């Protein structure tokens, strides 16, 4: 079972079919047909993203209409944003039948928002779940390589720190914290992943069902590290595709010193707790997901 969350309100509406983006007819050169047939859900957590949510939802729809027509959904998970983000998302749900809004009662952290979103997506039949930020730091244009790579991998990471990846508009301090955090986690956990803290992921259903999400407690950077680490421990195939992370142009970053400090003390704990959690999940009769063979 997924962890219990506070009261939520789900907006489902039936609306006229949206107009397709002009790029729809562009050939899908790299996307495998098998992936196109899987149900793709994009989970976008929001808190005070009124200036960004409409743009990111429309841009994401434009890509998914081309990449996975008729088999995609977008789930906005809003933590009762005081700036009206949730109301804007509701309006989008009325306009687009493939958009849903999950209203959470309070802001309890990014990790909890994603866990609620994962649970809702899995209950809705998702086979591929994509994590994506609302502020355009994760360019919807990268959905194509993420989905293409999911044809051969169980978990695909949009990576800033492999060849071809990078960041834009970051100050020196943030670059040092981000790159240093990745190197630190990689060394402590002993894994070959270059970008452990990134939040642009494409995750197969079988991974989410096999890594005991109900025991994940971390937030922020550490939540992202823990999901990837548990997938590796469970024997799933993880790959990285390059992305350029562009800092937000509007709104306020949720990054804080507290999140960075949490990562420093929490990562060593993961090395002890995550293997036990994955082992318990494997032993549980209800465990559904399993690593692919070969």
Protein backbone atom coordinates (compact mmCIF):
# COMPACT_ATOMS: atom_id res chain seq x y z
CA UNK A 1 0.00 0.00 0.00
CA UNK A 2 1.04 3.56 -0.55
CA UNK A 3 1.49 5.85 2.48
CA UNK A 4 -1.64 7.58 3.73
CA UNK A 5 -1.90 11.17 2.64
CA UNK A 6 -4.04 14.05 3.81
CA UNK A 7 -7.46 14.59 2.27
CA UNK A 8 -7.30 15.08 -1.47
CA UNK A 9 -9.75 16.32 -4.04
CA UNK A 10 -9.54 15.01 -7.59
CA UNK A 11 -10.80 17.00 -10.51
CA UNK A 12 -12.01 14.90 -13.45
CA UNK A 13 -13.90 16.54 -16.24
CA UNK A 14 -15.04 15.70 -19.74
CA UNK A 15 -14.23 18.43 -22.21
CA UNK A 16 -13.92 18.92 -25.95
CA UNK A 17 -10.92 17.28 -27.54
CA UNK A 18 -7.98 19.68 -27.59
CA UNK A 19 -6.54 20.97 -30.79
CA UNK A 20 -3.44 19.15 -31.89
CA UNK A 21 -0.09 20.86 -32.05
CA UNK A 22 1.42 21.49 -35.48
CA UNK A 23 4.34 19.19 -34.66
CA UNK A 24 2.15 16.08 -34.46
CA UNK A 25 2.95 14.89 -37.96
CA UNK A 26 6.71 14.91 -37.34
CA UNK A 27 8.04 11.32 -37.66
CA UNK A 28 8.79 9.50 -34.43
CA UNK A 29 12.29 8.50 -35.46
CA UNK A 30 13.50 7.21 -32.11
CA UNK A 31 10.37 6.15 -30.24
CA UNK A 32 9.65 2.44 -30.22
CA UNK A 33 6.13 1.43 -31.10
CA UNK A 34 5.87 -0.72 -27.96
CA UNK A 35 6.41 2.31 -25.77
CA UNK A 36 3.75 4.27 -27.64
CA UNK A 37 1.17 1.65 -26.69
CA UNK A 38 1.87 1.96 -22.99
CA UNK A 39 -0.13 4.36 -20.89
CA UNK A 40 2.02 7.38 -20.13
CA UNK A 41 1.33 9.60 -17.12
CA UNK A 42 3.26 12.80 -16.42
CA UNK A 43 3.14 13.82 -12.75
CA UNK A 44 3.78 17.53 -12.12
CA UNK A 45 3.88 18.64 -8.47
CA UNK A 46 3.06 22.30 -7.86
CA UNK A 47 3.21 24.82 -5.07
CA UNK A 48 2.81 28.50 -5.96
CA UNK A 49 3.36 27.91 -9.67
CA UNK A 50 0.52 30.12 -10.96
CA UNK A 51 2.86 31.79 -13.42
CA UNK A 52 4.09 28.49 -14.86
CA UNK A 53 1.43 25.80 -14.61
CA UNK A 54 -0.62 26.73 -17.67
CA UNK A 55 2.42 27.00 -19.91
CA UNK A 56 4.01 23.75 -18.77
CA UNK A 57 0.77 21.79 -19.12
CA UNK A 58 0.10 23.09 -22.62
CA UNK A 59 3.71 22.47 -23.70
CA UNK A 60 3.61 18.94 -22.29
CA UNK A 61 0.34 18.17 -24.04
CA UNK A 62 1.83 19.36 -27.34
CA UNK A 63 4.67 16.86 -26.98
CA UNK A 64 2.56 13.94 -25.79
CA UNK A 65 -0.03 14.43 -28.53
CA UNK A 66 2.81 13.72 -30.93
CA UNK A 67 4.69 11.05 -28.97
CA UNK A 68 1.91 9.06 -27.33
CA UNK A 69 -1.42 10.12 -28.86
CA UNK A 70 -4.51 8.89 -27.02
CA UNK A 71 -2.50 7.03 -24.32
CA UNK A 72 -1.27 9.86 -22.11
CA UNK A 73 -2.46 11.75 -19.08
CA UNK A 74 -1.09 14.68 -17.11
CA UNK A 75 -1.58 14.80 -13.36
CA UNK A 76 -1.00 18.10 -11.56
CA UNK A 77 -0.48 17.50 -7.83
CA UNK A 78 -1.11 20.79 -6.07
CA UNK A 79 -0.38 21.33 -2.38
CA UNK A 80 -3.09 23.92 -1.76
CA UNK A 81 -1.05 26.71 -3.34
CA UNK A 82 -2.15 30.07 -1.93
CA UNK A 83 -1.43 31.79 -5.27
CA UNK A 84 -4.27 29.98 -7.09
CA UNK A 85 -2.20 27.38 -8.94
CA UNK A 86 -4.81 24.73 -8.21
CA UNK A 87 -7.64 26.80 -9.67
CA UNK A 88 -5.68 27.38 -12.88
CA UNK A 89 -4.98 23.65 -13.11
CA UNK A 90 -8.70 22.96 -12.67
CA UNK A 91 -9.45 25.24 -15.62
CA UNK A 92 -6.95 23.30 -17.71
CA UNK A 93 -8.63 20.04 -16.67
CA UNK A 94 -11.91 21.41 -17.96
CA UNK A 95 -10.31 22.31 -21.26
CA UNK A 96 -8.28 19.13 -21.76
CA UNK A 97 -9.79 15.68 -21.04
CA UNK A 98 -6.33 14.19 -20.45
CA UNK A 99 -5.51 16.54 -17.56
CA UNK A 100 -6.35 15.75 -13.93
CA UNK A 101 -5.68 17.68 -10.75
CA UNK A 102 -4.98 16.11 -7.39
CA UNK A 103 -5.56 18.68 -4.64
CA UNK A 104 -3.69 17.91 -1.43
CA UNK A 105 -4.77 19.51 1.82
CA UNK A 106 -1.38 20.98 2.73
CA UNK A 107 2.24 21.29 1.68
CA UNK A 108 4.03 18.34 3.23
CA UNK A 109 7.01 18.06 0.91
CA UNK A 110 7.92 17.12 -2.63
CA UNK A 111 8.39 13.47 -1.79
CA UNK A 112 4.88 13.15 -0.38
CA UNK A 113 3.46 14.94 -3.42
CA UNK A 114 5.17 12.50 -5.77
CA UNK A 115 4.09 9.49 -3.73
CA UNK A 116 0.47 10.67 -3.91
CA UNK A 117 0.86 11.25 -7.64
CA UNK A 118 2.43 7.82 -8.19
CA UNK A 119 -0.39 6.11 -6.32
CA UNK A 120 -3.03 7.92 -8.36
CA UNK A 121 -1.27 7.22 -11.66
CA UNK A 122 -0.85 3.51 -10.90
CA UNK A 123 -4.51 3.25 -9.88
CA UNK A 124 -5.36 4.88 -13.20
CA UNK A 125 -3.50 2.23 -15.20
CA UNK A 126 -0.17 3.97 -15.80
CA UNK A 127 2.59 1.84 -17.31
CA UNK A 128 5.11 4.67 -17.56
CA UNK A 129 5.22 7.47 -14.99
CA UNK A 130 7.23 10.61 -15.70
CA UNK A 131 8.31 13.06 -13.01
CA UNK A 132 8.60 16.65 -14.24
CA UNK A 133 8.95 20.07 -12.64
CA UNK A 134 6.38 22.78 -13.32
CA UNK A 135 8.80 25.67 -13.87
CA UNK A 136 10.21 24.69 -17.30
CA UNK A 137 13.57 23.70 -15.82
CA UNK A 138 12.62 20.32 -17.30
CA UNK A 139 12.02 21.05 -20.96
CA UNK A 140 9.07 19.04 -22.33
CA UNK A 141 11.12 18.64 -25.49
CA UNK A 142 13.14 15.98 -23.65
CA UNK A 143 10.10 13.73 -23.26
CA UNK A 144 10.94 12.09 -26.58
CA UNK A 145 14.41 10.79 -25.60
CA UNK A 146 13.11 9.77 -22.17
CA UNK A 147 10.31 7.69 -23.69
CA UNK A 148 12.59 6.27 -26.37
CA UNK A 149 15.10 5.10 -23.74
CA UNK A 150 12.27 3.49 -21.75
CA UNK A 151 12.08 0.87 -24.49
CA UNK A 152 15.28 -0.68 -23.14
CA UNK A 153 15.41 0.50 -19.51
CA UNK A 154 13.22 0.23 -16.45
CA UNK A 155 14.12 3.68 -15.13
CA UNK A 156 15.33 6.54 -17.31
CA UNK A 157 16.99 9.57 -15.75
CA UNK A 158 17.22 12.95 -17.42
CA UNK A 159 20.85 13.65 -16.55
CA UNK A 160 22.70 16.94 -16.27
CA UNK A 161 26.02 15.22 -15.69
CA UNK A 162 26.53 12.90 -18.65
CA UNK A 163 27.99 13.97 -21.99
CA UNK A 164 25.61 16.40 -23.67
CA UNK A 165 23.90 17.40 -20.42
CA UNK A 166 24.36 20.55 -18.37
CA UNK A 167 22.79 23.46 -16.53
CA UNK A 168 22.06 27.05 -17.48
CA UNK A 169 21.66 30.23 -15.44
CA UNK A 170 22.98 28.75 -12.20
CA UNK A 171 25.30 30.57 -9.84
CA UNK A 172 28.55 29.01 -8.68
CA UNK A 173 27.16 28.04 -5.27
CA UNK A 174 24.23 26.14 -6.71
CA UNK A 175 26.45 24.35 -9.23
CA UNK A 176 28.78 23.27 -6.47
CA UNK A 177 25.95 22.07 -4.23
CA UNK A 178 24.27 20.11 -7.02
CA UNK A 179 27.36 18.51 -8.53
CA UNK A 180 28.90 17.94 -5.13
CA UNK A 181 25.72 16.30 -3.86
CA UNK A 182 25.67 13.90 -6.79
CA UNK A 183 29.33 12.98 -6.35
CA UNK A 184 28.86 12.55 -2.60
CA UNK A 185 25.83 10.28 -3.00
CA UNK A 186 27.52 8.29 -5.75
CA UNK A 187 30.56 7.67 -3.54
CA UNK A 188 28.60 6.81 -0.39
CA UNK A 189 26.17 4.46 -2.15
CA UNK A 190 28.70 2.97 -4.55
CA UNK A 191 26.57 3.32 -7.68
CA UNK A 192 27.60 4.34 -11.23
CA UNK A 193 24.85 6.94 -11.74
CA UNK A 194 26.07 10.47 -12.55
CA UNK A 195 22.92 12.46 -11.70
CA UNK A 196 21.33 11.00 -8.60
CA UNK A 197 19.54 14.16 -7.47
CA UNK A 198 17.73 15.04 -10.69
CA UNK A 199 13.93 15.00 -10.79
CA UNK A 200 13.22 14.38 -14.49
CA UNK A 201 12.54 10.63 -14.64
CA UNK A 202 10.60 8.07 -16.64
CA UNK A 203 9.71 5.11 -14.43
CA UNK A 204 8.12 1.82 -15.44
CA UNK A 205 5.20 0.65 -13.37
CA UNK A 206 7.07 -2.51 -12.37
CA UNK A 207 9.73 -0.40 -10.64
CA UNK A 208 7.25 1.57 -8.55
CA UNK A 209 5.49 -1.63 -7.55
CA UNK A 210 8.72 -3.34 -6.45
CA UNK A 211 10.62 -0.77 -4.37
CA UNK A 212 8.36 -0.43 -1.32
CA UNK A 213 7.27 3.14 -1.89
CA UNK A 214 5.23 3.03 1.30
CA UNK A 215 8.50 3.08 3.27
CA UNK A 216 10.11 6.02 1.43
CA UNK A 217 10.38 8.92 3.86
CA UNK A 218 12.94 11.24 2.24
CA UNK A 219 12.21 14.65 0.73
CA UNK A 220 13.84 16.88 -1.88
CA UNK A 221 17.17 15.71 -3.23
CA UNK A 222 17.13 12.60 -1.08
CA UNK A 223 13.76 11.43 -2.38
CA UNK A 224 15.19 11.38 -5.90
CA UNK A 225 18.32 9.57 -4.71
CA UNK A 226 16.32 6.97 -2.81
CA UNK A 227 13.98 6.08 -5.69
CA UNK A 228 16.92 5.52 -8.05
CA UNK A 229 18.99 3.66 -5.44
CA UNK A 230 16.14 1.31 -4.61
CA UNK A 231 15.59 0.59 -8.30
CA UNK A 232 19.26 -0.33 -8.67
CA UNK A 233 19.18 -2.53 -5.56
CA UNK A 234 16.12 -4.33 -6.91
CA UNK A 235 18.03 -5.21 -10.06
CA UNK A 236 16.28 -2.89 -12.48
CA UNK A 237 18.00 -1.44 -15.50
CA UNK A 238 18.69 2.28 -15.07
CA UNK A 239 19.97 4.54 -17.85
CA UNK A 240 20.72 8.26 -18.17
CA UNK A 241 19.92 10.51 -21.13
CA UNK A 242 21.41 14.01 -21.37
CA UNK A 243 19.31 17.06 -20.61
CA UNK A 244 20.10 20.72 -20.10
CA UNK A 245 18.49 21.99 -16.91
CA UNK A 246 17.53 25.65 -17.24
CA UNK A 247 16.83 27.63 -14.10
CA UNK A 248 13.32 28.97 -13.76
CA UNK A 249 12.55 32.38 -15.27
CA UNK A 250 9.53 33.17 -13.07
CA UNK A 251 8.50 32.17 -9.59
CA UNK A 252 10.61 31.19 -6.60
CA UNK A 253 12.91 28.18 -6.36
CA UNK A 254 12.01 25.58 -3.73
CA UNK A 255 15.67 24.71 -3.21
CA UNK A 256 16.90 25.54 0.29
CA UNK A 257 19.89 25.05 2.58
CA UNK A 258 17.76 22.67 4.68
CA UNK A 259 17.29 20.34 1.71
CA UNK A 260 21.03 20.29 1.01
CA UNK A 261 21.86 19.60 4.67
CA UNK A 262 19.27 16.82 4.79
CA UNK A 263 21.05 15.11 1.93
CA UNK A 264 24.38 15.13 3.77
CA UNK A 265 23.13 13.15 6.76
CA UNK A 266 20.37 11.14 5.04
CA UNK A 267 22.41 9.51 2.26
CA UNK A 268 24.49 7.31 4.60
CA UNK A 269 21.23 6.19 6.22
CA UNK A 270 19.94 5.09 2.81
CA UNK A 271 22.83 2.70 2.47
CA UNK A 272 21.52 0.86 5.54
CA UNK A 273 17.76 1.26 5.18
CA UNK A 274 17.14 0.90 1.43
CA UNK A 275 18.52 -2.65 1.01
CA UNK A 276 16.33 -3.87 3.87
CA UNK A 277 13.25 -2.18 2.41
CA UNK A 278 13.84 -3.69 -1.03
CA UNK A 279 14.45 -7.13 0.48
CA UNK A 280 11.17 -6.95 2.40
CA UNK A 281 9.36 -5.90 -0.78
CA UNK A 282 10.80 -8.89 -2.65
CA UNK A 283 9.64 -11.24 0.07
CA UNK A 284 6.14 -9.79 0.28
CA UNK A 285 3.50 -11.97 -1.46
CA UNK A 286 1.87 -8.83 -2.86
CA UNK A 287 5.03 -7.66 -4.64
CA UNK A 288 4.11 -7.31 -8.32
CA UNK A 289 7.02 -5.64 -10.09
CA UNK A 290 10.16 -7.55 -11.00
CA UNK A 291 13.29 -6.69 -12.97
CA UNK A 292 13.22 -7.58 -16.62
CA UNK A 293 15.42 -10.46 -17.68
CA UNK A 294 18.34 -10.14 -20.02
